[in-house]
Amino acid sequence: MASPARLSHDEPLPPAADPVAIRRCLTPDVAAEFDREWETVLDRAKQTKDLSDIHDLLAKWRLFAHAELKEPGSYFRVLATAAHTAATGRAPAGSVSGDEIKELIRARLGR
């Protein structure tokens, strides 16, 4: 991985919404996942002549890349958590429900 720009000595900047910049932030295993999705979305864009899926993919992977810079291995931890939740039908211990999050947002907005 290349050394990313940093907000401070502790906080790396998110990469640009550019496939090369994103890949530079990823380990080889995570970059392979990005590459698989990138190829699928490019093929779809060629067929549909619509670039919105490409923009969506870059926005999503920009977040994953930033998370990987801050906490290496976070991408596969997210996948493992999702697989566990799907297999058991239960959220991990300590999780907050969607309803609880909505209530927190309403409280912060004063609604």
C-alpha atoms as a PDB file:
ATOM      1  CA  MET A   1       0.000   0.000   0.000  1.00  0.00           C
ATOM      2  CA  ALA A   2       1.196   3.504  -0.766  1.00  0.00           C
ATOM      3  CA  SER A   3       1.505   6.000   2.033  1.00  0.00           C
ATOM      4  CA  PRO A   4      -1.709   8.075   1.991  1.00  0.00           C
ATOM      5  CA  ALA A   5      -2.109  11.767   2.678  1.00  0.00           C
ATOM      6  CA  ARG A   6      -3.174  12.467   6.232  1.00  0.00           C
ATOM      7  CA  LEU A   7      -5.518  14.918   7.963  1.00  0.00           C
ATOM      8  CA  SER A   8      -3.261  14.852  11.007  1.00  0.00           C
ATOM      9  CA  HIS A   9      -0.478  12.502  12.024  1.00  0.00           C
ATOM     10  CA  ASP A  10      -3.170   9.946  12.964  1.00  0.00           C
ATOM     11  CA  GLU A  11      -5.983  10.368  10.431  1.00  0.00           C
ATOM     12  CA  PRO A  12      -5.480   9.446   6.755  1.00  0.00           C
ATOM     13  CA  LEU A  13      -7.444  11.333   4.119  1.00  0.00           C
ATOM     14  CA  PRO A  14      -9.991   9.401   2.066  1.00  0.00           C
ATOM     15  CA  PRO A  15      -8.697   8.632  -1.417  1.00  0.00           C
ATOM     16  CA  ALA A  16     -10.099  10.381  -4.467  1.00  0.00           C
ATOM     17  CA  ALA A  17     -13.104   8.716  -6.133  1.00  0.00           C
ATOM     18  CA  ASP A  18     -10.717   7.246  -8.684  1.00  0.00           C
ATOM     19  CA  PRO A  19     -10.007   3.535  -9.175  1.00  0.00           C
ATOM     20  CA  VAL A  20      -6.227   3.943  -9.099  1.00  0.00           C
ATOM     21  CA  ALA A  21      -6.302   6.044  -5.920  1.00  0.00           C
ATOM     22  CA  ILE A  22      -8.680   3.584  -4.259  1.00  0.00           C
ATOM     23  CA  ARG A  23      -6.595   0.525  -5.189  1.00  0.00           C
ATOM     24  CA  ARG A  24      -3.472   2.163  -3.727  1.00  0.00           C
ATOM     25  CA  CYS A  25      -5.135   2.070  -0.307  1.00  0.00           C
ATOM     26  CA  LEU A  26      -6.051  -1.614  -0.427  1.00  0.00           C
ATOM     27  CA  THR A  27      -4.167  -4.756   0.448  1.00  0.00           C
ATOM     28  CA  PRO A  28      -3.831  -7.262  -2.414  1.00  0.00           C
ATOM     29  CA  ASP A  29      -6.739  -9.388  -1.121  1.00  0.00           C
ATOM     30  CA  VAL A  30      -9.094  -6.427  -0.818  1.00  0.00           C
ATOM     31  CA  ALA A  31      -7.883  -4.995  -4.143  1.00  0.00           C
ATOM     32  CA  ALA A  32      -8.867  -8.303  -5.778  1.00  0.00           C
ATOM     33  CA  GLU A  33     -12.410  -7.826  -4.431  1.00  0.00           C
ATOM     34  CA  PHE A  34     -12.453  -4.281  -5.791  1.00  0.00           C
ATOM     35  CA  ASP A  35     -11.192  -5.499  -9.171  1.00  0.00           C
ATOM     36  CA  ARG A  36     -13.962  -8.115  -9.430  1.00  0.00           C
ATOM     37  CA  GLU A  37     -16.649  -5.530  -8.740  1.00  0.00           C
ATOM     38  CA  TRP A  38     -14.967  -2.979 -11.020  1.00  0.00           C
ATOM     39  CA  GLU A  39     -14.996  -5.389 -13.976  1.00  0.00           C
ATOM     40  CA  THR A  40     -18.642  -6.304 -13.398  1.00  0.00           C
ATOM     41  CA  VAL A  41     -19.723  -2.665 -13.217  1.00  0.00           C
ATOM     42  CA  LEU A  42     -17.647  -1.717 -16.266  1.00  0.00           C
ATOM     43  CA  ASP A  43     -19.244  -4.503 -18.284  1.00  0.00           C
ATOM     44  CA  ARG A  44     -22.701  -3.346 -17.199  1.00  0.00           C
ATOM     45  CA  ALA A  45     -21.867   0.273 -18.097  1.00  0.00           C
ATOM     46  CA  LYS A  46     -20.719  -0.830 -21.548  1.00  0.00           C
ATOM     47  CA  GLN A  47     -24.082  -2.494 -22.112  1.00  0.00           C
ATOM     48  CA  THR A  48     -26.301   0.226 -20.661  1.00  0.00           C
ATOM     49  CA  LYS A  49     -24.219   3.301 -21.556  1.00  0.00           C
ATOM     50  CA  ASP A  50     -25.023   4.506 -18.018  1.00  0.00           C
ATOM     51  CA  LEU A  51     -22.167   5.546 -15.713  1.00  0.00           C
ATOM     52  CA  SER A  52     -24.201   5.829 -12.508  1.00  0.00           C
ATOM     53  CA  ASP A  53     -23.183   2.343 -11.320  1.00  0.00           C
ATOM     54  CA  ILE A  54     -19.522   3.288 -11.789  1.00  0.00           C
ATOM     55  CA  HIS A  55     -19.978   6.425  -9.686  1.00  0.00           C
ATOM     56  CA  ASP A  56     -21.809   4.413  -7.019  1.00  0.00           C
ATOM     57  CA  LEU A  57     -19.065   1.772  -6.935  1.00  0.00           C
ATOM     58  CA  LEU A  58     -16.325   4.392  -6.604  1.00  0.00           C
ATOM     59  CA  ALA A  59     -18.205   6.152  -3.798  1.00  0.00           C
ATOM     60  CA  LYS A  60     -18.698   2.858  -1.934  1.00  0.00           C
ATOM     61  CA  TRP A  61     -15.111   1.703  -2.379  1.00  0.00           C
ATOM     62  CA  ARG A  62     -13.767   5.126  -1.433  1.00  0.00           C
ATOM     63  CA  LEU A  63     -15.349   4.551   1.990  1.00  0.00           C
ATOM     64  CA  PHE A  64     -13.990   0.997   2.216  1.00  0.00           C
ATOM     65  CA  ALA A  65     -10.503   2.212   1.217  1.00  0.00           C
ATOM     66  CA  HIS A  66     -10.582   4.936   3.848  1.00  0.00           C
ATOM     67  CA  ALA A  67     -11.703   2.409   6.469  1.00  0.00           C
ATOM     68  CA  GLU A  68      -8.867   0.085   5.432  1.00  0.00           C
ATOM     69  CA  LEU A  69      -6.362   2.910   5.853  1.00  0.00           C
ATOM     70  CA  LYS A  70      -7.646   3.626   9.353  1.00  0.00           C
ATOM     71  CA  GLU A  71      -8.194   0.003  10.418  1.00  0.00           C
ATOM     72  CA  PRO A  72      -6.533  -2.578   8.162  1.00  0.00           C
ATOM     73  CA  GLY A  73      -8.693  -5.665   7.793  1.00  0.00           C
ATOM     74  CA  SER A  74     -11.959  -3.785   8.330  1.00  0.00           C
ATOM     75  CA  TYR A  75     -13.384  -4.825   4.941  1.00  0.00           C
ATOM     76  CA  PHE A  76     -13.216  -8.539   5.714  1.00  0.00           C
ATOM     77  CA  ARG A  77     -14.467  -7.970   9.274  1.00  0.00           C
ATOM     78  CA  VAL A  78     -17.561  -6.271   7.834  1.00  0.00           C
ATOM     79  CA  LEU A  79     -18.100  -9.215   5.483  1.00  0.00           C
ATOM     80  CA  ALA A  80     -17.685 -11.700   8.335  1.00  0.00           C
ATOM     81  CA  THR A  81     -20.190  -9.800  10.478  1.00  0.00           C
ATOM     82  CA  ALA A  82     -22.693  -9.687   7.602  1.00  0.00           C
ATOM     83  CA  ALA A  83     -22.253 -13.422   6.953  1.00  0.00           C
ATOM     84  CA  HIS A  84     -22.757 -14.215  10.635  1.00  0.00           C
ATOM     85  CA  THR A  85     -25.869 -12.046  10.789  1.00  0.00           C
ATOM     86  CA  ALA A  86     -27.281 -13.637   7.626  1.00  0.00           C
ATOM     87  CA  ALA A  87     -26.561 -17.148   8.899  1.00  0.00           C
ATOM     88  CA  THR A  88     -27.975 -16.650  12.393  1.00  0.00           C
ATOM     89  CA  GLY A  89     -30.631 -14.032  11.707  1.00  0.00           C
ATOM     90  CA  ARG A  90     -29.305 -12.072  14.659  1.00  0.00           C
ATOM     91  CA  ALA A  91     -27.314  -8.867  14.844  1.00  0.00           C
ATOM     92  CA  PRO A  92     -23.973  -9.057  16.651  1.00  0.00           C
ATOM     93  CA  ALA A  93     -23.912  -8.322  20.374  1.00  0.00           C
ATOM     94  CA  GLY A  94     -23.772  -4.613  21.040  1.00  0.00           C
ATOM     95  CA  SER A  95     -25.487  -3.703  17.775  1.00  0.00           C
ATOM     96  CA  VAL A  96     -28.079  -0.966  17.582  1.00  0.00           C
ATOM     97  CA  SER A  97     -31.320  -1.552  15.671  1.00  0.00           C
ATOM     98  CA  GLY A  98     -32.444   0.630  12.807  1.00  0.00           C
ATOM     99  CA  ASP A  99     -35.346   1.861  14.930  1.00  0.00           C
ATOM    100  CA  GLU A 100     -32.951   2.875  17.710  1.00  0.00           C
ATOM    101  CA  ILE A 101     -30.777   4.773  15.222  1.00  0.00           C
ATOM    102  CA  LYS A 102     -33.833   6.588  13.824  1.00  0.00           C
ATOM    103  CA  GLU A 103     -34.872   7.549  17.355  1.00  0.00           C
ATOM    104  CA  LEU A 104     -31.382   8.903  18.097  1.00  0.00           C
ATOM    105  CA  ILE A 105     -31.493  10.962  14.888  1.00  0.00           C
ATOM    106  CA  ARG A 106     -34.953  12.324  15.743  1.00  0.00           C
ATOM    107  CA  ALA A 107     -33.740  13.218  19.256  1.00  0.00           C
ATOM    108  CA  ARG A 108     -30.699  15.040  17.913  1.00  0.00           C
ATOM    109  CA  LEU A 109     -32.840  16.922  15.418  1.00  0.00           C
ATOM    110  CA  GLY A 110     -35.302  17.810  18.175  1.00  0.00           C
ATOM    111  CA  ARG A 111     -38.238  15.998  16.569  1.00  0.00           C
END
